[in-house]
Protein backbone atom coordinates (compact mmCIF):
# COMPACT_ATOMS: atom_id res chain seq x y z
CA MET A 1 17.46 -0.68 -26.51
CA LEU A 2 19.13 -3.31 -24.36
CA ILE A 3 17.06 -5.99 -22.63
CA ALA A 4 18.56 -8.08 -19.84
CA LEU A 5 17.11 -11.60 -19.99
CA LEU A 6 17.40 -13.48 -16.68
CA ASP A 7 16.86 -17.14 -17.57
CA ASP A 8 18.98 -20.16 -18.57
CA GLY A 9 20.74 -18.58 -21.53
CA ILE A 10 20.15 -17.87 -25.23
CA ASP A 11 21.17 -20.46 -27.82
CA LEU A 12 22.21 -18.42 -30.86
CA ARG A 13 21.91 -21.48 -33.10
CA ARG A 14 18.15 -21.30 -32.54
CA CYS A 15 17.88 -17.52 -32.98
CA PRO A 16 20.76 -16.44 -35.24
CA ASP A 17 19.33 -12.97 -35.97
CA ILE A 18 19.24 -11.90 -32.31
CA ARG A 19 21.79 -9.28 -31.30
CA LEU A 20 23.45 -10.59 -28.15
CA ARG A 21 25.68 -8.00 -26.51
CA GLU A 22 26.56 -10.01 -23.37
CA ASP A 23 26.39 -13.75 -22.65
CA LEU A 24 26.92 -14.23 -18.92
CA SER A 25 26.65 -17.02 -16.39
CA VAL A 26 25.68 -16.38 -12.76
CA GLN A 27 27.32 -18.91 -10.47
CA PRO A 28 25.76 -20.34 -7.27
CA ASP A 29 28.00 -18.08 -5.14
CA GLY A 30 26.84 -15.00 -7.06
CA THR A 31 29.95 -14.66 -9.24
CA ILE A 32 29.15 -13.41 -12.74
CA ARG A 33 31.40 -14.30 -15.67
CA PRO A 34 31.13 -14.84 -19.44
CA ARG A 35 29.49 -18.14 -20.32
CA ARG A 36 32.06 -20.60 -21.65
CA ALA A 37 31.63 -22.23 -25.05
CA GLU A 38 31.55 -25.71 -23.50
CA GLU A 39 28.81 -24.76 -20.98
CA ILE A 40 25.57 -26.27 -22.20
CA ILE A 41 22.30 -24.35 -22.13
CA ARG A 42 20.19 -26.95 -20.36
CA THR A 43 16.75 -26.19 -21.79
CA SER A 44 15.11 -24.13 -24.52
CA HIS A 45 13.33 -21.90 -21.96
CA GLY A 46 15.46 -18.76 -22.19
CA THR A 47 15.92 -19.18 -25.92
CA THR A 48 12.15 -19.41 -26.41
CA CYS A 49 11.64 -16.23 -24.33
CA ALA A 50 14.23 -14.47 -26.50
CA GLN A 51 12.54 -15.71 -29.68
CA ILE A 52 9.17 -14.36 -28.53
CA ILE A 53 10.62 -10.94 -27.72
CA HIS A 54 12.58 -10.87 -30.99
CA LYS A 55 9.50 -11.88 -33.00
CA TYR A 56 7.62 -8.74 -31.88
CA ALA A 57 10.63 -6.43 -31.24
CA PRO A 58 13.26 -7.51 -33.82
CA GLU A 59 15.43 -4.44 -33.20
CA ALA A 60 16.00 -5.26 -29.52
CA GLU A 61 19.49 -6.03 -28.20
CA PHE A 62 19.96 -8.65 -25.50
CA CYS A 63 22.13 -9.29 -22.51
CA SER A 64 21.72 -12.87 -21.27
CA LEU A 65 22.29 -13.67 -17.60
CA ALA A 66 21.99 -17.42 -17.05
CA ILE A 67 20.62 -17.86 -13.52
CA PHE A 68 19.19 -21.33 -14.18
CA LEU A 69 22.10 -23.75 -14.45
CA GLN A 70 20.11 -26.97 -14.00
CA PRO A 71 17.36 -28.52 -16.16
CA LYS A 72 14.74 -28.01 -13.40
CA LEU A 73 15.04 -24.23 -13.92
CA ARG A 74 15.71 -23.47 -10.27
CA THR A 75 17.99 -20.73 -9.01
CA SER A 76 19.15 -19.57 -5.59
CA PRO A 77 18.39 -16.22 -3.95
CA ALA A 78 22.11 -15.43 -4.19
CA GLN A 79 22.14 -15.95 -7.97
CA LEU A 80 18.98 -13.93 -8.54
CA LEU A 81 20.21 -11.08 -6.32
CA ALA A 82 23.60 -11.08 -8.07
CA ALA A 83 21.95 -10.85 -11.49
CA LEU A 84 19.65 -8.03 -10.39
CA ASP A 85 22.53 -6.20 -8.72
CA TRP A 86 24.49 -6.44 -11.99
CA CYS A 87 21.53 -4.96 -13.86
CA LEU A 88 21.31 -2.19 -11.26
CA GLU A 89 25.00 -1.35 -11.56
CA LYS A 90 24.94 -1.41 -15.38
CA LYS A 91 21.64 0.56 -15.45
CA ILE A 92 20.06 -1.85 -17.93
CA PRO A 93 16.89 0.00 -19.05
CA LEU A 94 14.63 -3.05 -19.44
CA VAL A 95 14.91 -6.28 -17.43
CA HIS A 96 12.92 -9.39 -18.33
CA MET A 97 12.40 -12.11 -15.72
CA SER A 98 10.57 -15.38 -16.11
CA ALA A 99 11.71 -15.87 -12.53
CA GLY A 100 10.79 -14.91 -8.99
CA THR A 101 9.99 -16.37 -5.61
CA THR A 102 6.91 -17.27 -3.61
CA GLN A 103 9.00 -18.04 -0.52
CA LEU A 104 8.32 -15.42 2.16
CA CYS A 105 11.76 -15.63 3.72
CA ASP A 106 13.46 -14.86 0.38
CA GLN A 107 11.26 -11.99 -0.74
CA GLU A 108 12.50 -8.93 1.17
CA PRO A 109 16.06 -8.69 -0.24
CA ILE A 110 14.71 -9.12 -3.77
CA ARG A 111 11.98 -6.53 -3.20
CA ARG A 112 14.49 -3.98 -1.92
CA LEU A 113 16.77 -4.44 -4.91
CA ILE A 114 13.85 -4.20 -7.34
CA ALA A 115 12.79 -0.95 -5.60
CA LYS A 116 16.29 0.47 -6.11
CA MET A 117 16.12 -0.40 -9.80
CA ILE A 118 12.72 1.29 -10.20
CA GLN A 119 14.00 4.36 -8.37
CA GLN A 120 16.88 4.47 -10.84
CA GLY A 121 14.41 4.53 -13.73
CA GLN A 122 14.73 0.91 -14.83
CA THR A 123 11.72 -1.09 -16.02
CA ILE A 124 11.11 -4.69 -14.94
CA VAL A 125 8.76 -7.18 -16.61
CA ALA A 126 8.29 -10.37 -14.58
CA ALA A 127 6.20 -13.51 -14.85
CA ARG A 128 3.99 -14.53 -11.96
CA SER A 129 4.37 -18.00 -10.53
CA ASN A 130 2.38 -20.65 -12.39
CA ASP A 131 1.01 -21.62 -8.97
CA ALA A 132 -2.13 -19.50 -9.37
CA GLY A 133 -3.01 -17.39 -6.36
CA ARG A 134 0.51 -17.30 -4.88
CA TYR A 135 2.08 -13.90 -4.23
CA THR A 136 5.22 -13.68 -6.36
CA VAL A 137 8.16 -11.33 -5.93
CA PRO A 138 8.88 -9.34 -8.00
CA ALA A 139 5.89 -9.86 -10.33
CA CYS A 140 3.30 -8.72 -7.78
CA CYS A 141 5.30 -5.74 -6.47
CA ALA A 142 4.34 -2.13 -7.08
CA GLY A 143 6.13 -0.65 -10.07
CA VAL A 144 6.81 -4.01 -11.72
CA LEU A 145 4.98 -5.04 -14.88
CA GLY A 146 3.83 -8.44 -13.64
CA VAL A 147 2.34 -10.83 -16.19
CA ALA A 148 0.25 -14.00 -16.24
CA ALA A 149 -0.99 -16.02 -19.23
CA ASP A 150 -4.50 -16.00 -20.64
CA PRO A 151 -4.84 -19.23 -22.67
CA VAL A 152 -7.50 -17.69 -24.92
CA LEU A 153 -5.10 -15.09 -26.33
CA THR A 154 -2.71 -15.70 -29.23
CA GLY A 155 0.22 -13.90 -30.84
CA ASP A 156 1.02 -10.51 -29.31
CA GLN A 157 -2.38 -10.02 -27.63
CA PHE A 158 -2.63 -8.80 -24.04
CA TYR A 159 -4.91 -6.75 -21.79
CA VAL A 160 -4.64 -4.87 -18.50
CA LEU A 161 -7.13 -5.05 -15.64
CA ASP A 162 -7.53 -2.79 -12.63
CA ALA A 163 -5.27 -3.84 -9.78
CA MET A 164 -6.32 -6.94 -7.87
CA PRO A 165 -5.35 -7.95 -4.31
CA ASP A 166 -1.85 -9.47 -4.29
CA ASP A 167 -1.88 -10.36 -7.99
CA VAL A 168 -0.66 -9.12 -11.34
CA GLN A 169 -2.93 -7.10 -13.59
CA ILE A 170 -1.45 -7.76 -17.04
CA PHE A 171 -2.57 -10.87 -18.90
CA ALA A 172 -0.99 -11.85 -22.18
CA SER A 173 -0.74 -14.54 -24.81
CA SER A 174 1.80 -17.31 -24.38
CA ARG A 175 0.76 -19.03 -27.60
CA HIS A 176 3.27 -17.96 -30.24
CA ASP A 177 4.17 -19.37 -33.65
CA LEU A 178 7.97 -19.67 -33.53
CA SER A 179 8.32 -22.02 -36.50
CA ALA A 180 10.32 -19.40 -38.44
CA TYR A 181 13.22 -19.93 -36.01
CA PRO A 182 15.53 -22.96 -36.29
CA PHE A 183 13.93 -25.83 -34.35
CA GLY A 184 11.15 -23.41 -33.37
CA GLU A 185 7.78 -24.70 -32.23
CA ALA A 186 4.58 -23.94 -34.13
CA GLU A 187 2.98 -22.95 -30.82
CA ALA A 188 4.66 -22.31 -27.48
CA VAL A 189 3.09 -23.96 -24.46
CA VAL A 190 0.69 -21.98 -22.28
CA SER A 191 2.63 -20.66 -19.30
CA ASN A 192 3.25 -17.36 -17.55
CA SER A 193 6.92 -17.61 -18.59
CA TYR A 194 5.96 -17.30 -22.24
CA ALA A 195 3.33 -14.61 -21.63
CA ALA A 196 5.77 -12.18 -20.04
CA PRO A 197 7.93 -11.85 -23.23
CA THR A 198 4.82 -10.66 -25.10
CA VAL A 199 4.65 -7.68 -22.75
CA THR A 200 8.42 -7.13 -22.74
CA ALA A 201 8.35 -6.69 -26.52
CA LYS A 202 5.56 -4.11 -26.26
CA VAL A 203 7.30 -2.28 -23.38
CA HIS A 204 10.49 -2.19 -25.47
CA GLU A 205 8.51 -0.42 -28.20
CA LEU A 206 7.06 2.11 -25.73
CA LEU A 207 10.37 2.84 -24.03
CA SER A 208 12.05 3.27 -27.40
CA ALA A 209 9.36 5.83 -28.28
CA GLY A 210 10.19 7.88 -25.18
CA TRP A 211 7.74 6.71 -22.51
CA LYS A 212 9.27 7.10 -19.06
CA SER A 213 7.20 6.56 -15.93
CA ILE A 214 5.58 3.32 -14.80
CA PRO A 215 2.11 4.95 -14.65
CA GLU A 216 2.62 6.12 -18.25
CA LEU A 217 3.51 2.59 -19.33
CA TYR A 218 0.47 1.09 -17.60
CA ARG A 219 -1.84 3.71 -19.13
CA SER A 220 -0.41 3.11 -22.59
CA LEU A 221 -0.65 -0.67 -22.27
CA ALA A 222 -4.24 -0.44 -20.98
CA LYS A 223 -5.16 2.32 -23.45
CA ASN A 224 -7.11 4.01 -20.62
CA PRO A 225 -6.59 4.91 -16.95
CA VAL A 226 -6.34 1.89 -14.66
CA SER A 227 -5.78 1.52 -10.94
CA MET A 228 -2.24 0.41 -10.13
CA ALA A 229 -2.89 0.20 -6.39
CA ARG A 230 -0.96 -2.48 -4.53
CA MET A 231 -1.62 -3.54 -0.97
CA ARG A 232 1.82 -2.33 0.14
CA PRO A 233 4.06 0.63 -0.73
CA ASP A 234 6.74 -1.86 -1.68
CA PHE A 235 8.51 0.48 -4.09
CA LEU A 236 10.17 1.98 -0.99
CA SER A 237 13.81 1.14 -0.42
CA SER A 238 14.88 4.62 0.62
CA ALA A 239 12.91 7.84 1.01
CA PHE A 240 12.80 11.38 2.32
CA VAL A 241 10.19 11.83 5.07
CA PHE A 242 8.02 14.89 5.71
CA ASP A 243 6.56 14.56 9.21
CA PRO A 244 5.43 18.01 10.40
CA GLU A 245 3.95 16.79 13.70
CA HIS A 246 6.67 14.23 14.51
CA SER A 247 4.15 11.37 14.38
CA ILE A 248 6.82 8.74 13.67
CA LYS A 249 8.12 7.82 17.13
CA THR A 250 10.34 4.87 16.17
CA PRO A 251 12.20 5.84 12.96
CA GLU A 252 14.81 3.16 13.64
CA LEU A 253 12.17 0.49 12.93
CA LEU A 254 11.09 1.86 9.53
CA ASP A 255 11.34 -0.67 6.72
CA PHE A 256 13.28 1.65 4.40
CA GLN A 257 16.38 3.80 4.54
CA VAL A 258 15.54 7.32 5.70
CA LEU A 259 17.46 9.77 3.51
CA GLY A 260 16.30 12.74 5.56
CA MET A 261 13.45 13.80 7.85
CA PHE A 262 11.78 17.21 7.62
CA ASP A 263 9.12 19.05 9.59
CA ASP A 264 9.28 22.33 7.66
CA GLU A 265 7.41 22.53 4.36
CA THR A 266 9.78 25.00 2.70
CA ASP A 267 12.90 23.02 3.63
CA PHE A 268 11.34 19.79 2.43
CA LEU A 269 10.30 21.18 -0.98
CA ALA A 270 13.73 22.73 -1.45
CA ALA A 271 15.34 19.35 -0.78
CA MET A 272 12.94 17.65 -3.22
CA GLU A 273 13.93 20.16 -5.90
CA ARG A 274 17.44 18.74 -5.61
CA GLU A 275 16.31 15.10 -5.25
CA GLN A 276 13.83 14.47 -8.05
CA ARG A 277 14.21 10.68 -8.28
CA SER A 278 14.03 9.60 -4.63
CA SER A 279 10.77 8.38 -3.12
CA VAL A 280 9.07 10.46 -0.45
CA VAL A 281 6.87 9.64 2.54
CA LEU A 282 4.37 12.24 3.74
CA VAL A 283 2.77 11.97 7.17
CA PRO A 284 -0.59 13.74 7.86
CA PRO A 285 -2.01 16.28 8.31
CA SER A 286 -2.53 16.72 4.58
CA PRO A 287 -0.38 19.48 3.10
CA SER A 288 -1.82 22.43 1.21
CA ASN A 289 -2.79 22.35 -2.45
CA ARG A 290 0.22 24.57 -3.15
CA PHE A 291 2.48 21.93 -1.54
CA TRP A 292 1.02 19.09 -3.63
CA LYS A 293 1.27 21.13 -6.83
CA LYS A 294 4.90 21.96 -6.17
CA LEU A 295 5.81 18.39 -5.18
CA PHE A 296 4.08 16.92 -8.26
CA SER A 297 5.95 19.37 -10.50
CA GLN A 298 9.20 17.98 -9.04
CA SER A 299 8.18 14.34 -9.37
CA GLU A 300 8.00 13.46 -13.06
CA GLU A 301 11.10 11.27 -12.65
CA ARG A 302 10.43 10.33 -9.03
CA CYS A 303 9.99 6.68 -8.14
CA GLY A 304 6.97 7.18 -5.87
CA ILE A 305 5.11 9.07 -3.18
CA VAL A 306 3.59 7.49 -0.06
CA TYR A 307 0.96 9.43 1.88
CA ALA A 308 0.37 7.89 5.31
CA GLY A 309 -3.35 8.60 5.28
CA GLU A 310 -6.21 8.70 2.78
CA ALA A 311 -5.62 11.20 -0.01
CA PRO A 312 -8.41 12.78 -2.08
CA ARG A 313 -9.16 10.90 -5.30
CA GLU A 314 -8.11 13.85 -7.47
CA LEU A 315 -4.64 13.78 -5.91
CA GLN A 316 -4.25 10.09 -6.63
CA ALA A 317 -5.21 10.69 -10.27
CA ALA A 318 -2.89 13.70 -10.66
CA ALA A 319 0.27 12.03 -9.31
CA PRO A 320 2.97 11.85 -12.02
CA CYS A 321 4.69 8.85 -10.41
CA LEU A 322 3.76 5.81 -8.33
CA PHE A 323 1.42 6.97 -5.56
CA TRP A 324 0.32 4.99 -2.50
CA ASP A 325 -2.04 5.97 0.28
CA GLU A 326 -4.20 4.02 2.72
CA THR A 327 -7.00 3.86 0.15
CA ALA A 328 -4.70 1.58 -1.84
CA ARG A 329 -4.74 -0.77 1.15
CA ARG A 330 -8.37 -0.42 2.15
CA SER A 331 -9.90 -0.94 -1.28
CA PRO A 332 -8.20 -4.26 -2.18
CA THR A 333 -8.46 -5.51 1.42
CA SER A 334 -12.22 -5.05 1.24
CA ARG A 335 -12.30 -7.10 -1.98
CA VAL A 336 -10.27 -10.14 -0.98
CA THR A 337 -11.92 -13.50 -1.49
CA ARG A 338 -13.09 -15.21 1.68
CA PHE A 339 -11.20 -18.39 2.48
CA SER A 340 -11.07 -20.67 5.48
CA LEU A 341 -8.06 -20.33 7.75
CA ASP A 342 -5.51 -23.12 7.50
CA PRO A 343 -5.57 -24.87 10.90
CA GLU A 344 -1.95 -25.98 10.42
CA ILE A 345 -0.60 -22.41 10.54
CA PRO A 346 0.10 -21.27 14.14
CA PHE A 347 -1.17 -17.85 15.26
CA VAL A 348 0.49 -15.76 17.96
CA GLN A 349 -1.61 -12.94 19.44
CA VAL A 350 0.46 -9.99 20.72
CA GLU A 351 -1.16 -7.49 23.06
CA SER A 352 -1.57 -4.07 21.43
CA CYS A 353 0.73 -1.88 23.50
CA GLY A 354 1.95 0.94 21.29
CA GLU A 355 5.70 1.07 20.77
CA SER A 356 6.32 -2.11 22.77
CA SER A 357 4.19 -4.32 20.53
CA LEU A 358 5.58 -2.63 17.40
CA ARG A 359 9.14 -3.35 18.49
CA LEU A 360 8.30 -6.95 19.32
CA LEU A 361 6.50 -7.56 16.01
CA CYS A 362 9.40 -6.15 13.99
CA GLY A 363 12.01 -7.99 16.05
CA LEU A 364 10.29 -11.37 15.90
CA ARG A 365 9.54 -11.02 12.19
CA ASP A 366 13.18 -10.25 11.42
CA ARG A 367 14.42 -13.08 13.64
CA LEU A 368 12.04 -15.63 12.12
CA THR A 369 12.76 -14.52 8.56
CA GLY A 370 16.49 -14.62 9.20
CA GLU A 371 16.17 -18.27 10.21
CA GLY A 372 14.25 -19.12 7.03
CA TYR A 373 10.70 -19.07 8.43
CA GLY A 374 7.92 -17.37 6.48
CA CYS A 375 6.26 -14.87 8.80
CA VAL A 376 3.14 -12.75 8.23
CA THR A 377 2.55 -9.96 10.76
CA ILE A 378 -0.90 -8.34 10.94
CA THR A 379 -1.64 -5.21 12.97
CA ASP A 380 -3.94 -2.19 13.02
CA GLN A 381 -1.26 0.08 14.46
CA PRO A 382 -1.11 3.43 12.61
CA MET A 383 1.29 3.50 9.63
CA ALA A 384 2.19 -0.18 10.15
CA TYR A 385 2.99 -0.49 6.43
CA LEU A 386 5.97 1.85 6.89
CA TYR A 387 7.47 -0.83 9.13
CA GLY A 388 6.90 -3.66 6.62
CA LEU A 389 3.91 -5.03 8.55
CA GLU A 390 0.53 -6.07 7.16
CA TYR A 391 -1.79 -3.17 7.98
CA LEU A 392 -5.44 -3.85 8.86
CA PRO A 393 -7.49 -0.78 7.89
CA ARG A 394 -10.41 0.20 10.09
CA GLY A 395 -13.65 -1.54 9.13
CA CYS A 396 -11.88 -4.53 7.55
CA GLN A 397 -12.32 -7.98 9.06
CA PRO A 398 -9.06 -9.42 10.44
CA GLU A 399 -10.05 -13.04 9.86
CA VAL A 400 -10.72 -12.35 6.17
CA LEU A 401 -7.37 -10.59 5.69
CA ALA A 402 -5.56 -13.31 7.65
CA ALA A 403 -7.08 -16.09 5.54
CA HIS A 404 -6.20 -14.23 2.33
CA LEU A 405 -2.58 -13.72 3.40
CA CYS A 406 -2.28 -17.35 4.49
CA ARG A 407 -3.45 -18.49 1.07
CA THR A 408 -1.39 -16.07 -1.03
CA HIS A 409 1.80 -16.04 1.11
CA ASP A 410 1.72 -19.53 2.72
CA PRO A 411 3.46 -18.46 5.97
CA ASP A 412 4.95 -20.77 8.60
CA ILE A 413 3.59 -18.52 11.36
CA VAL A 414 1.26 -15.52 11.77
CA LEU A 415 1.78 -12.77 14.35
CA CYS A 416 -1.25 -10.58 15.15
CA SER A 417 -1.53 -7.43 17.26
CA LEU A 418 -4.95 -5.76 17.15
CA GLY A 419 -6.31 -2.99 19.35
CA THR A 420 -9.80 -4.51 19.45
CA PRO A 421 -10.06 -8.05 20.88
CA VAL A 422 -10.78 -10.58 18.13
CA THR A 423 -12.45 -13.92 18.71
CA ASN A 424 -12.50 -15.10 15.08
CA LEU A 425 -8.73 -15.63 14.86
CA PRO A 426 -6.92 -18.67 16.27
CA CYS A 427 -4.59 -18.16 19.21
CA ASP A 428 -1.91 -20.79 19.81
CA LEU A 429 0.07 -18.43 22.02
CA ARG A 430 -0.71 -15.10 23.63
CA ILE A 431 1.95 -12.49 24.42
CA SER A 432 1.28 -9.63 26.82
CA PHE A 433 3.33 -6.94 28.55
CA GLY A 434 3.46 -6.43 32.30
CA MET A 435 5.41 -5.60 35.43
CA CYS A 436 8.05 -8.30 35.29
CA CYS A 437 11.83 -8.47 35.00
CA LYS A 438 12.10 -11.17 32.34
CA VAL A 439 9.98 -13.34 30.08
CA GLN A 440 7.45 -15.46 31.96
CA VAL A 441 5.35 -18.30 30.57
CA ILE A 442 2.17 -19.63 32.15
CA GLY A 443 0.18 -22.08 30.03
CA ASP A 444 -0.41 -20.54 26.60
CA THR A 445 0.36 -16.99 27.77
CA MET A 446 3.76 -15.29 27.72
CA THR A 447 4.47 -12.03 29.54
CA LEU A 448 7.29 -9.64 28.65
CA PRO A 449 8.57 -6.54 30.43
CA GLU A 450 7.09 -3.48 28.75
CA ARG A 451 10.63 -2.16 28.27
CA PHE A 452 12.08 -5.40 26.97
CA GLY A 453 15.46 -5.84 25.30
CA GLU A 454 17.05 -7.97 22.60
CA ALA A 455 17.59 -10.82 25.05
CA ASP A 456 13.84 -10.92 25.73
CA THR A 457 13.05 -10.99 22.01
CA GLU A 458 15.50 -13.86 21.61
CA ALA A 459 13.84 -15.71 24.52
CA VAL A 460 10.42 -15.34 22.83
CA PHE A 461 11.90 -16.59 19.55
CA GLN A 462 13.36 -19.67 21.21
CA ILE A 463 10.02 -20.45 22.90
CA LEU A 464 8.26 -20.17 19.55
CA LEU A 465 10.71 -22.66 18.05
CA GLU A 466 10.16 -25.09 20.90
CA ASN A 467 6.40 -24.89 20.48
């Protein structure tokens, strides 16, 4: 089975027995071409990763995509996206990445591409950032086998924990004896980069034996059922939507491509019979047991199912693919570690005003992200996660969630819109909606027309930059 290794290249002089099918270089502009003989592999990083995988999976074939062209092992979003897009197009079954990003403004395009790969049936193993506690894309995303090192482990040892808030759940050895390889070290250094190959080798074995779904892989790795719940349904890039009561009022704001919307149960199930890989989003009320049974029977190769409510525990356990419901948000949110809020991060409080506040939150987030600012947006609006916003479940404390997200995501700015007034969150600027023709600013309060337009959103953005 072919493994795509996204790193700085594989030096065949140091691993002569490795079968290298492709040796490619990803240029800063995203161009991909064969690596030239005179192009030096700057470090031993990618070669060491390949040696570790080969040590435990000697039959594996490799495709090397050099995305690190400098000794500091840094790449650009364009290079990483180009390499992932190449893997998507070539349908590489297993992709290994000792790479990712903790930068909020770079995460969404990578997440979307990773979601497309998972929907296509590809498997991704990725190392978490060595900056412990930082949310890393793609390692921390749903459907990705994210890995961190446990310095106590050696050789091919690893273990799997139940899902943790905004973190990986696979921990593996990065201490490997590579002295059998030319110039190989007797023990690799402890780092997440050298723990991930341990898992890639094991996943290669499982995939070669016929394992298919991500839940199957996690269960096999853990040797027992484990929770795979992530705080977001971030395996969504496109989906069919079943919304029998037309609860979604602003489909144009959804954070995924809508492949089709249905309100009739029979029509929806017939469409899912034809589309057995695409993700689906189900909006309450909860369908019948017959509906769930039929959908699950059609979903053995499906990427994932999102239920925009709280599903019974037995349904979560019976799902044959990735499954997300609001329990997957509530449970980890209630378990986040309490931290103090960073006083340097500005908070903007947006009045909760239904569709108006939703449109403003999405518009400002997109505008800020597009300009390279890391933006976290917290709201208790129903189904906020379908719009790519940070959903606050009922009963959870907003200041605790905000402090957690500030620590794990390190945003430049936080936007909040909560139905219940909150006094425990900072407020550097307040935005409300009223009877006015254009944006008005008085002191630390900004007022927008309730039916505002793009020009008003731009005016708010410019005021935020000035402040």
